[in-house]
């Protein structure tokens, strides 16, 4: 594994290694959601949820799009593959 690949793997693993961020990812696997919907599902303060969304966005695991005054979040297209690839020895399985 190259140094850049190791850094990428660690960035992804650090991003998902938090219960709140894991809950966000689990919610977004079902469907894209607006912040208000995520706040209903994940019982944390709004500023804390915003911080966790920022960490996931900076890790490239989620995307955001503005809809008026709302922001919608979705899993990045390659999020599942990147998470699986971050685990040494894990095999990437195609999701149908």
PDB file of N, CA and C in Angstrom:
ATOM      1  N   UNK A   1       0.852  -1.178   0.000  1.00  0.00           N
ATOM      2  CA  UNK A   1       0.000   0.000   0.000  1.00  0.00           C
ATOM      3  C   UNK A   1       0.896   1.239   0.000  1.00  0.00           C
ATOM      4  N   UNK A   2       0.582   2.155  -0.872  1.00  0.00           N
ATOM      5  CA  UNK A   2       1.364   3.391  -0.948  1.00  0.00           C
ATOM      6  C   UNK A   2       1.002   4.310   0.212  1.00  0.00           C
ATOM      7  N   UNK A   3       1.827   5.290   0.441  1.00  0.00           N
ATOM      8  CA  UNK A   3       1.577   6.231   1.528  1.00  0.00           C
ATOM      9  C   UNK A   3       0.285   7.000   1.292  1.00  0.00           C
ATOM     10  N   UNK A   4       0.035   7.419   0.058  1.00  0.00           N
ATOM     11  CA  UNK A   4      -1.192   8.171  -0.227  1.00  0.00           C
ATOM     12  C   UNK A   4      -2.430   7.290  -0.047  1.00  0.00           C
ATOM     13  N   UNK A   5      -2.334   6.014  -0.406  1.00  0.00           N
ATOM     14  CA  UNK A   5      -3.458   5.092  -0.205  1.00  0.00           C
ATOM     15  C   UNK A   5      -3.703   4.868   1.281  1.00  0.00           C
ATOM     16  N   UNK A   6      -2.625   4.789   2.050  1.00  0.00           N
ATOM     17  CA  UNK A   6      -2.765   4.611   3.497  1.00  0.00           C
ATOM     18  C   UNK A   6      -3.418   5.837   4.132  1.00  0.00           C
ATOM     19  N   UNK A   7      -3.025   7.026   3.691  1.00  0.00           N
ATOM     20  CA  UNK A   7      -3.620   8.257   4.203  1.00  0.00           C
ATOM     21  C   UNK A   7      -5.102   8.303   3.848  1.00  0.00           C
ATOM     22  N   UNK A   8      -5.434   7.935   2.622  1.00  0.00           N
ATOM     23  CA  UNK A   8      -6.843   7.894   2.187  1.00  0.00           C
ATOM     24  C   UNK A   8      -7.632   6.927   3.063  1.00  0.00           C
ATOM     25  N   UNK A   9      -7.084   5.743   3.291  1.00  0.00           N
ATOM     26  CA  UNK A   9      -7.770   4.746   4.121  1.00  0.00           C
ATOM     27  C   UNK A   9      -7.988   5.259   5.535  1.00  0.00           C
ATOM     28  N   UNK A  10      -6.966   5.858   6.114  1.00  0.00           N
ATOM     29  CA  UNK A  10      -7.089   6.377   7.477  1.00  0.00           C
ATOM     30  C   UNK A  10      -8.087   7.523   7.562  1.00  0.00           C
ATOM     31  N   UNK A  11      -8.121   8.365   6.550  1.00  0.00           N
ATOM     32  CA  UNK A  11      -9.091   9.460   6.525  1.00  0.00           C
ATOM     33  C   UNK A  11     -10.516   8.911   6.532  1.00  0.00           C
ATOM     34  N   UNK A  12     -10.756   7.914   5.706  1.00  0.00           N
ATOM     35  CA  UNK A  12     -12.090   7.306   5.633  1.00  0.00           C
ATOM     36  C   UNK A  12     -12.432   6.623   6.952  1.00  0.00           C
ATOM     37  N   UNK A  13     -11.510   5.842   7.489  1.00  0.00           N
ATOM     38  CA  UNK A  13     -11.777   5.120   8.736  1.00  0.00           C
ATOM     39  C   UNK A  13     -12.005   6.074   9.902  1.00  0.00           C
ATOM     40  N   UNK A  14     -11.235   7.151   9.972  1.00  0.00           N
ATOM     41  CA  UNK A  14     -11.451   8.134  11.033  1.00  0.00           C
ATOM     42  C   UNK A  14     -12.811   8.808  10.885  1.00  0.00           C
ATOM     43  N   UNK A  15     -13.227   9.041   9.671  1.00  0.00           N
ATOM     44  CA  UNK A  15     -14.522   9.692   9.435  1.00  0.00           C
ATOM     45  C   UNK A  15     -15.685   8.807   9.864  1.00  0.00           C
ATOM     46  N   UNK A  16     -15.580   7.506   9.663  1.00  0.00           N
ATOM     47  CA  UNK A  16     -16.714   6.632   9.986  1.00  0.00           C
ATOM     48  C   UNK A  16     -16.644   6.067  11.396  1.00  0.00           C
ATOM     49  N   UNK A  17     -15.542   6.297  12.108  1.00  0.00           N
ATOM     50  CA  UNK A  17     -15.342   5.714  13.428  1.00  0.00           C
ATOM     51  C   UNK A  17     -15.953   6.548  14.548  1.00  0.00           C
ATOM     52  N   UNK A  18     -17.122   7.068  14.323  1.00  0.00           N
ATOM     53  CA  UNK A  18     -17.828   7.849  15.325  1.00  0.00           C
ATOM     54  C   UNK A  18     -19.295   7.440  15.268  1.00  0.00           C
ATOM     55  N   UNK A  19     -19.933   7.190  16.404  1.00  0.00           N
ATOM     56  CA  UNK A  19     -21.331   6.730  16.388  1.00  0.00           C
ATOM     57  C   UNK A  19     -22.306   7.674  15.671  1.00  0.00           C
ATOM     58  N   UNK A  20     -22.104   8.975  15.818  1.00  0.00           N
ATOM     59  CA  UNK A  20     -23.007   9.928  15.151  1.00  0.00           C
ATOM     60  C   UNK A  20     -22.800   9.861  13.642  1.00  0.00           C
ATOM     61  N   UNK A  21     -21.553   9.866  13.199  1.00  0.00           N
ATOM     62  CA  UNK A  21     -21.294   9.817  11.754  1.00  0.00           C
ATOM     63  C   UNK A  21     -21.751   8.489  11.180  1.00  0.00           C
ATOM     64  N   UNK A  22     -21.597   7.406  11.935  1.00  0.00           N
ATOM     65  CA  UNK A  22     -22.077   6.102  11.483  1.00  0.00           C
ATOM     66  C   UNK A  22     -23.599   6.142  11.312  1.00  0.00           C
ATOM     67  N   UNK A  23     -24.301   6.777  12.253  1.00  0.00           N
ATOM     68  CA  UNK A  23     -25.763   6.904  12.158  1.00  0.00           C
ATOM     69  C   UNK A  23     -26.165   7.732  10.943  1.00  0.00           C
ATOM     70  N   UNK A  24     -25.416   8.791  10.666  1.00  0.00           N
ATOM     71  CA  UNK A  24     -25.691   9.613   9.482  1.00  0.00           C
ATOM     72  C   UNK A  24     -25.534   8.766   8.215  1.00  0.00           C
ATOM     73  N   UNK A  25     -24.445   8.030   8.127  1.00  0.00           N
ATOM     74  CA  UNK A  25     -24.218   7.184   6.951  1.00  0.00           C
ATOM     75  C   UNK A  25     -25.316   6.139   6.816  1.00  0.00           C
ATOM     76  N   UNK A  26     -25.719   5.543   7.929  1.00  0.00           N
ATOM     77  CA  UNK A  26     -26.791   4.536   7.887  1.00  0.00           C
ATOM     78  C   UNK A  26     -28.093   5.153   7.376  1.00  0.00           C
ATOM     79  N   UNK A  27     -28.412   6.359   7.828  1.00  0.00           N
ATOM     80  CA  UNK A  27     -29.631   7.032   7.371  1.00  0.00           C
ATOM     81  C   UNK A  27     -29.555   7.347   5.884  1.00  0.00           C
ATOM     82  N   UNK A  28     -28.378   7.759   5.434  1.00  0.00           N
ATOM     83  CA  UNK A  28     -28.238   8.139   4.024  1.00  0.00           C
ATOM     84  C   UNK A  28     -28.170   6.932   3.087  1.00  0.00           C
ATOM     85  N   UNK A  29     -27.932   5.730   3.616  1.00  0.00           N
ATOM     86  CA  UNK A  29     -27.976   4.550   2.753  1.00  0.00           C
ATOM     87  C   UNK A  29     -29.404   4.271   2.302  1.00  0.00           C
ATOM     88  N   UNK A  30     -30.371   4.692   3.107  1.00  0.00           N
ATOM     89  CA  UNK A  30     -31.778   4.487   2.762  1.00  0.00           C
ATOM     90  C   UNK A  30     -32.223   5.450   1.670  1.00  0.00           C
ATOM     91  N   UNK A  31     -31.820   6.708   1.811  1.00  0.00           N
ATOM     92  CA  UNK A  31     -32.227   7.739   0.838  1.00  0.00           C
ATOM     93  C   UNK A  31     -31.533   9.048   1.192  1.00  0.00           C
ATOM     94  N   UNK A  32     -31.376   9.945   0.214  1.00  0.00           N
ATOM     95  CA  UNK A  32     -30.862  11.282   0.541  1.00  0.00           C
ATOM     96  C   UNK A  32     -31.816  11.953   1.528  1.00  0.00           C
ATOM     97  N   UNK A  33     -31.279  12.803   2.366  1.00  0.00           N
ATOM     98  CA  UNK A  33     -32.097  13.453   3.389  1.00  0.00           C
ATOM     99  C   UNK A  33     -31.676  14.911   3.580  1.00  0.00           C
ATOM    100  N   UNK A  34     -32.632  15.715   3.999  1.00  0.00           N
ATOM    101  CA  UNK A  34     -32.314  17.092   4.361  1.00  0.00           C
ATOM    102  C   UNK A  34     -31.849  17.103   5.818  1.00  0.00           C
ATOM    103  N   UNK A  35     -31.235  18.181   6.219  1.00  0.00           N
ATOM    104  CA  UNK A  35     -30.734  18.293   7.584  1.00  0.00           C
ATOM    105  C   UNK A  35     -31.868  18.109   8.586  1.00  0.00           C
ATOM    106  N   UNK A  36     -33.027  18.676   8.299  1.00  0.00           N
ATOM    107  CA  UNK A  36     -34.147  18.572   9.245  1.00  0.00           C
ATOM    108  C   UNK A  36     -34.533  17.116   9.476  1.00  0.00           C
ATOM    109  N   UNK A  37     -34.498  16.307   8.436  1.00  0.00           N
ATOM    110  CA  UNK A  37     -34.807  14.890   8.573  1.00  0.00           C
ATOM    111  C   UNK A  37     -33.734  14.163   9.378  1.00  0.00           C
ATOM    112  N   UNK A  38     -32.480  14.500   9.128  1.00  0.00           N
ATOM    113  CA  UNK A  38     -31.394  13.883   9.887  1.00  0.00           C
ATOM    114  C   UNK A  38     -31.487  14.262  11.365  1.00  0.00           C
ATOM    115  N   UNK A  39     -31.860  15.508  11.659  1.00  0.00           N
ATOM    116  CA  UNK A  39     -31.984  15.942  13.049  1.00  0.00           C
ATOM    117  C   UNK A  39     -33.084  15.171  13.772  1.00  0.00           C
ATOM    118  N   UNK A  40     -34.139  14.804  13.062  1.00  0.00           N
ATOM    119  CA  UNK A  40     -35.205  14.018  13.675  1.00  0.00           C
ATOM    120  C   UNK A  40     -34.734  12.611  14.008  1.00  0.00           C
ATOM    121  N   UNK A  41     -33.864  12.054  13.166  1.00  0.00           N
ATOM    122  CA  UNK A  41     -33.398  10.677  13.355  1.00  0.00           C
ATOM    123  C   UNK A  41     -32.208  10.559  14.301  1.00  0.00           C
ATOM    124  N   UNK A  42     -31.386  11.593  14.367  1.00  0.00           N
ATOM    125  CA  UNK A  42     -30.141  11.524  15.130  1.00  0.00           C
ATOM    126  C   UNK A  42     -30.209  12.578  16.232  1.00  0.00           C
ATOM    127  N   UNK A  43     -30.400  12.136  17.470  1.00  0.00           N
ATOM    128  CA  UNK A  43     -30.638  13.078  18.576  1.00  0.00           C
ATOM    129  C   UNK A  43     -29.368  13.748  19.106  1.00  0.00           C
ATOM    130  N   UNK A  44     -28.846  14.700  18.336  1.00  0.00           N
ATOM    131  CA  UNK A  44     -27.707  15.516  18.777  1.00  0.00           C
ATOM    132  C   UNK A  44     -28.039  16.973  18.474  1.00  0.00           C
ATOM    133  N   UNK A  45     -27.316  17.860  19.118  1.00  0.00           N
ATOM    134  CA  UNK A  45     -27.521  19.297  18.877  1.00  0.00           C
ATOM    135  C   UNK A  45     -27.229  19.627  17.415  1.00  0.00           C
ATOM    136  N   UNK A  46     -27.912  20.613  16.900  1.00  0.00           N
ATOM    137  CA  UNK A  46     -27.762  20.999  15.496  1.00  0.00           C
ATOM    138  C   UNK A  46     -26.334  21.348  15.113  1.00  0.00           C
ATOM    139  N   UNK A  47     -25.627  22.078  15.987  1.00  0.00           N
ATOM    140  CA  UNK A  47     -24.254  22.446  15.655  1.00  0.00           C
ATOM    141  C   UNK A  47     -23.339  21.223  15.642  1.00  0.00           C
ATOM    142  N   UNK A  48     -23.613  20.243  16.485  1.00  0.00           N
ATOM    143  CA  UNK A  48     -22.818  19.017  16.501  1.00  0.00           C
ATOM    144  C   UNK A  48     -23.091  18.186  15.248  1.00  0.00           C
ATOM    145  N   UNK A  49     -24.358  18.132  14.833  1.00  0.00           N
ATOM    146  CA  UNK A  49     -24.692  17.421  13.593  1.00  0.00           C
ATOM    147  C   UNK A  49     -24.005  18.093  12.406  1.00  0.00           C
ATOM    148  N   UNK A  50     -23.997  19.409  12.379  1.00  0.00           N
ATOM    149  CA  UNK A  50     -23.320  20.133  11.297  1.00  0.00           C
ATOM    150  C   UNK A  50     -21.839  19.799  11.255  1.00  0.00           C
ATOM    151  N   UNK A  51     -21.205  19.705  12.405  1.00  0.00           N
ATOM    152  CA  UNK A  51     -19.789  19.348  12.463  1.00  0.00           C
ATOM    153  C   UNK A  51     -19.563  17.948  11.869  1.00  0.00           C
ATOM    154  N   UNK A  52     -20.391  16.993  12.265  1.00  0.00           N
ATOM    155  CA  UNK A  52     -20.224  15.630  11.769  1.00  0.00           C
ATOM    156  C   UNK A  52     -20.487  15.540  10.264  1.00  0.00           C
ATOM    157  N   UNK A  53     -21.444  16.290   9.767  1.00  0.00           N
ATOM    158  CA  UNK A  53     -21.700  16.329   8.328  1.00  0.00           C
ATOM    159  C   UNK A  53     -20.494  16.919   7.594  1.00  0.00           C
ATOM    160  N   UNK A  54     -19.874  17.931   8.182  1.00  0.00           N
ATOM    161  CA  UNK A  54     -18.681  18.537   7.584  1.00  0.00           C
ATOM    162  C   UNK A  54     -17.548  17.516   7.502  1.00  0.00           C
ATOM    163  N   UNK A  55     -17.334  16.744   8.553  1.00  0.00           N
ATOM    164  CA  UNK A  55     -16.276  15.728   8.547  1.00  0.00           C
ATOM    165  C   UNK A  55     -16.527  14.711   7.440  1.00  0.00           C
ATOM    166  N   UNK A  56     -17.766  14.240   7.316  1.00  0.00           N
ATOM    167  CA  UNK A  56     -18.097  13.261   6.277  1.00  0.00           C
ATOM    168  C   UNK A  56     -17.960  13.864   4.882  1.00  0.00           C
ATOM    169  N   UNK A  57     -18.332  15.131   4.735  1.00  0.00           N
ATOM    170  CA  UNK A  57     -18.211  15.817   3.440  1.00  0.00           C
ATOM    171  C   UNK A  57     -16.744  15.991   3.064  1.00  0.00           C
ATOM    172  N   UNK A  58     -15.918  16.401   4.023  1.00  0.00           N
ATOM    173  CA  UNK A  58     -14.495  16.589   3.752  1.00  0.00           C
ATOM    174  C   UNK A  58     -13.792  15.265   3.440  1.00  0.00           C
ATOM    175  N   UNK A  59     -14.303  14.172   3.991  1.00  0.00           N
ATOM    176  CA  UNK A  59     -13.746  12.847   3.693  1.00  0.00           C
ATOM    177  C   UNK A  59     -14.240  12.338   2.344  1.00  0.00           C
ATOM    178  N   UNK A  60     -15.178  13.067   1.724  1.00  0.00           N
ATOM    179  CA  UNK A  60     -15.693  12.674   0.412  1.00  0.00           C
ATOM    180  C   UNK A  60     -16.699  11.537   0.461  1.00  0.00           C
ATOM    181  N   UNK A  61     -17.290  11.292   1.647  1.00  0.00           N
ATOM    182  CA  UNK A  61     -18.240  10.188   1.771  1.00  0.00           C
ATOM    183  C   UNK A  61     -19.678  10.617   1.515  1.00  0.00           C
ATOM    184  N   UNK A  62     -19.955  11.910   1.675  1.00  0.00           N
ATOM    185  CA  UNK A  62     -21.292  12.414   1.392  1.00  0.00           C
ATOM    186  C   UNK A  62     -21.193  13.650   0.514  1.00  0.00           C
ATOM    187  N   UNK A  63     -22.285  13.960  -0.136  1.00  0.00           N
ATOM    188  CA  UNK A  63     -22.373  15.165  -0.947  1.00  0.00           C
ATOM    189  C   UNK A  63     -23.519  16.013  -0.410  1.00  0.00           C
ATOM    190  N   UNK A  64     -23.471  17.292  -0.706  1.00  0.00           N
ATOM    191  CA  UNK A  64     -24.548  18.181  -0.275  1.00  0.00           C
ATOM    192  C   UNK A  64     -25.010  19.017  -1.455  1.00  0.00           C
ATOM    193  N   UNK A  65     -26.275  19.362  -1.421  1.00  0.00           N
ATOM    194  CA  UNK A  65     -26.820  20.259  -2.444  1.00  0.00           C
ATOM    195  C   UNK A  65     -27.850  21.168  -1.776  1.00  0.00           C
ATOM    196  N   UNK A  66     -27.849  22.406  -2.179  1.00  0.00           N
ATOM    197  CA  UNK A  66     -28.763  23.385  -1.596  1.00  0.00           C
ATOM    198  C   UNK A  66     -30.078  23.373  -2.350  1.00  0.00           C
ATOM    199  N   UNK A  67     -31.167  23.402  -1.565  1.00  0.00           N
ATOM    200  CA  UNK A  67     -32.519  23.458  -2.117  1.00  0.00           C
ATOM    201  C   UNK A  67     -33.245  24.564  -1.360  1.00  0.00           C
ATOM    202  N   UNK A  68     -33.162  25.776  -1.922  1.00  0.00           N
ATOM    203  CA  UNK A  68     -33.721  26.926  -1.207  1.00  0.00           C
ATOM    204  C   UNK A  68     -32.910  27.172   0.049  1.00  0.00           C
ATOM    205  N   UNK A  69     -33.585  27.183   1.201  1.00  0.00           N
ATOM    206  CA  UNK A  69     -32.835  27.351   2.446  1.00  0.00           C
ATOM    207  C   UNK A  69     -32.451  26.037   3.086  1.00  0.00           C
ATOM    208  N   UNK A  70     -32.788  24.930   2.448  1.00  0.00           N
ATOM    209  CA  UNK A  70     -32.453  23.603   2.966  1.00  0.00           C
ATOM    210  C   UNK A  70     -31.214  23.043   2.272  1.00  0.00           C
ATOM    211  N   UNK A  71     -30.516  22.187   2.981  1.00  0.00           N
ATOM    212  CA  UNK A  71     -29.383  21.474   2.390  1.00  0.00           C
ATOM    213  C   UNK A  71     -29.696  19.988   2.443  1.00  0.00           C
ATOM    214  N   UNK A  72     -29.617  19.354   1.294  1.00  0.00           N
ATOM    215  CA  UNK A  72     -29.853  17.913   1.200  1.00  0.00           C
ATOM    216  C   UNK A  72     -28.518  17.193   1.163  1.00  0.00           C
ATOM    217  N   UNK A  73     -28.446  16.055   1.847  1.00  0.00           N
ATOM    218  CA  UNK A  73     -27.232  15.249   1.884  1.00  0.00           C
ATOM    219  C   UNK A  73     -27.513  13.877   1.293  1.00  0.00           C
ATOM    220  N   UNK A  74     -26.499  13.324   0.632  1.00  0.00           N
ATOM    221  CA  UNK A  74     -26.593  11.993   0.036  1.00  0.00           C
ATOM    222  C   UNK A  74     -25.237  11.319   0.133  1.00  0.00           C
ATOM    223  N   UNK A  75     -25.232   9.995   0.077  1.00  0.00           N
ATOM    224  CA  UNK A  75     -23.962   9.274   0.015  1.00  0.00           C
ATOM    225  C   UNK A  75     -23.288   9.592  -1.299  1.00  0.00           C
ATOM    226  N   UNK A  76     -21.997   9.756  -1.272  1.00  0.00           N
ATOM    227  CA  UNK A  76     -21.248   9.929  -2.515  1.00  0.00           C
ATOM    228  C   UNK A  76     -21.342   8.632  -3.309  1.00  0.00           C
ATOM    229  N   UNK A  77     -21.283   8.731  -4.621  1.00  0.00           N
ATOM    230  CA  UNK A  77     -21.423   7.546  -5.468  1.00  0.00           C
ATOM    231  C   UNK A  77     -20.428   6.445  -5.133  1.00  0.00           C
ATOM    232  N   UNK A  78     -19.214   6.842  -4.749  1.00  0.00           N
ATOM    233  CA  UNK A  78     -18.172   5.848  -4.473  1.00  0.00           C
ATOM    234  C   UNK A  78     -17.958   5.593  -2.980  1.00  0.00           C
ATOM    235  N   UNK A  79     -18.871   6.048  -2.124  1.00  0.00           N
ATOM    236  CA  UNK A  79     -18.678   5.942  -0.671  1.00  0.00           C
ATOM    237  C   UNK A  79     -18.554   4.493  -0.214  1.00  0.00           C
ATOM    238  N   UNK A  80     -19.428   3.633  -0.675  1.00  0.00           N
ATOM    239  CA  UNK A  80     -19.386   2.231  -0.239  1.00  0.00           C
ATOM    240  C   UNK A  80     -18.079   1.565  -0.648  1.00  0.00           C
ATOM    241  N   UNK A  81     -17.652   1.795  -1.860  1.00  0.00           N
ATOM    242  CA  UNK A  81     -16.402   1.198  -2.342  1.00  0.00           C
ATOM    243  C   UNK A  81     -15.206   1.749  -1.575  1.00  0.00           C
ATOM    244  N   UNK A  82     -15.211   3.046  -1.286  1.00  0.00           N
ATOM    245  CA  UNK A  82     -14.096   3.648  -0.554  1.00  0.00           C
ATOM    246  C   UNK A  82     -14.039   3.149   0.880  1.00  0.00           C
ATOM    247  N   UNK A  83     -15.199   2.951   1.506  1.00  0.00           N
ATOM    248  CA  UNK A  83     -15.210   2.438   2.877  1.00  0.00           C
ATOM    249  C   UNK A  83     -14.687   1.000   2.906  1.00  0.00           C
ATOM    250  N   UNK A  84     -15.130   0.191   1.970  1.00  0.00           N
ATOM    251  CA  UNK A  84     -14.657  -1.197   1.914  1.00  0.00           C
ATOM    252  C   UNK A  84     -13.171  -1.249   1.595  1.00  0.00           C
ATOM    253  N   UNK A  85     -12.716  -0.407   0.693  1.00  0.00           N
ATOM    254  CA  UNK A  85     -11.305  -0.399   0.305  1.00  0.00           C
ATOM    255  C   UNK A  85     -10.399   0.064   1.442  1.00  0.00           C
ATOM    256  N   UNK A  86     -10.946   0.805   2.400  1.00  0.00           N
ATOM    257  CA  UNK A  86     -10.146   1.310   3.514  1.00  0.00           C
ATOM    258  C   UNK A  86      -9.782   0.214   4.508  1.00  0.00           C
ATOM    259  N   UNK A  87     -10.488  -0.895   4.451  1.00  0.00           N
ATOM    260  CA  UNK A  87     -10.231  -1.985   5.395  1.00  0.00           C
ATOM    261  C   UNK A  87      -9.271  -2.978   4.740  1.00  0.00           C
ATOM    262  N   UNK A  88      -8.105  -3.159   5.330  1.00  0.00           N
ATOM    263  CA  UNK A  88      -7.134  -4.095   4.736  1.00  0.00           C
ATOM    264  C   UNK A  88      -7.720  -5.496   4.586  1.00  0.00           C
ATOM    265  N   UNK A  89      -7.583  -6.049   3.405  1.00  0.00           N
ATOM    266  CA  UNK A  89      -8.063  -7.407   3.150  1.00  0.00           C
ATOM    267  C   UNK A  89      -9.530  -7.521   2.817  1.00  0.00           C
ATOM    268  N   UNK A  90     -10.267  -6.419   2.891  1.00  0.00           N
ATOM    269  CA  UNK A  90     -11.696  -6.467   2.585  1.00  0.00           C
ATOM    270  C   UNK A  90     -11.893  -6.545   1.082  1.00  0.00           C
ATOM    271  N   UNK A  91     -12.915  -7.246   0.695  1.00  0.00           N
ATOM    272  CA  UNK A  91     -13.257  -7.322  -0.718  1.00  0.00           C
ATOM    273  C   UNK A  91     -14.429  -6.404  -0.986  1.00  0.00           C
ATOM    274  N   UNK A  92     -14.373  -5.689  -2.092  1.00  0.00           N
ATOM    275  CA  UNK A  92     -15.467  -4.824  -2.475  1.00  0.00           C
ATOM    276  C   UNK A  92     -16.504  -5.657  -3.193  1.00  0.00           C
ATOM    277  N   UNK A  93     -17.734  -5.626  -2.682  1.00  0.00           N
ATOM    278  CA  UNK A  93     -18.829  -6.374  -3.282  1.00  0.00           C
ATOM    279  C   UNK A  93     -19.749  -5.384  -3.979  1.00  0.00           C
ATOM    280  N   UNK A  94     -20.099  -5.682  -5.196  1.00  0.00           N
ATOM    281  CA  UNK A  94     -20.988  -4.803  -5.964  1.00  0.00           C
ATOM    282  C   UNK A  94     -22.368  -4.797  -5.320  1.00  0.00           C
ATOM    283  N   UNK A  95     -22.937  -3.624  -5.107  1.00  0.00           N
ATOM    284  CA  UNK A  95     -24.265  -3.468  -4.551  1.00  0.00           C
ATOM    285  C   UNK A  95     -25.250  -3.340  -5.690  1.00  0.00           C
ATOM    286  N   UNK A  96     -26.306  -4.082  -5.622  1.00  0.00           N
ATOM    287  CA  UNK A  96     -27.320  -4.038  -6.684  1.00  0.00           C
ATOM    288  C   UNK A  96     -28.526  -3.293  -6.250  1.00  0.00           C
TER     289      UNK A  96
END
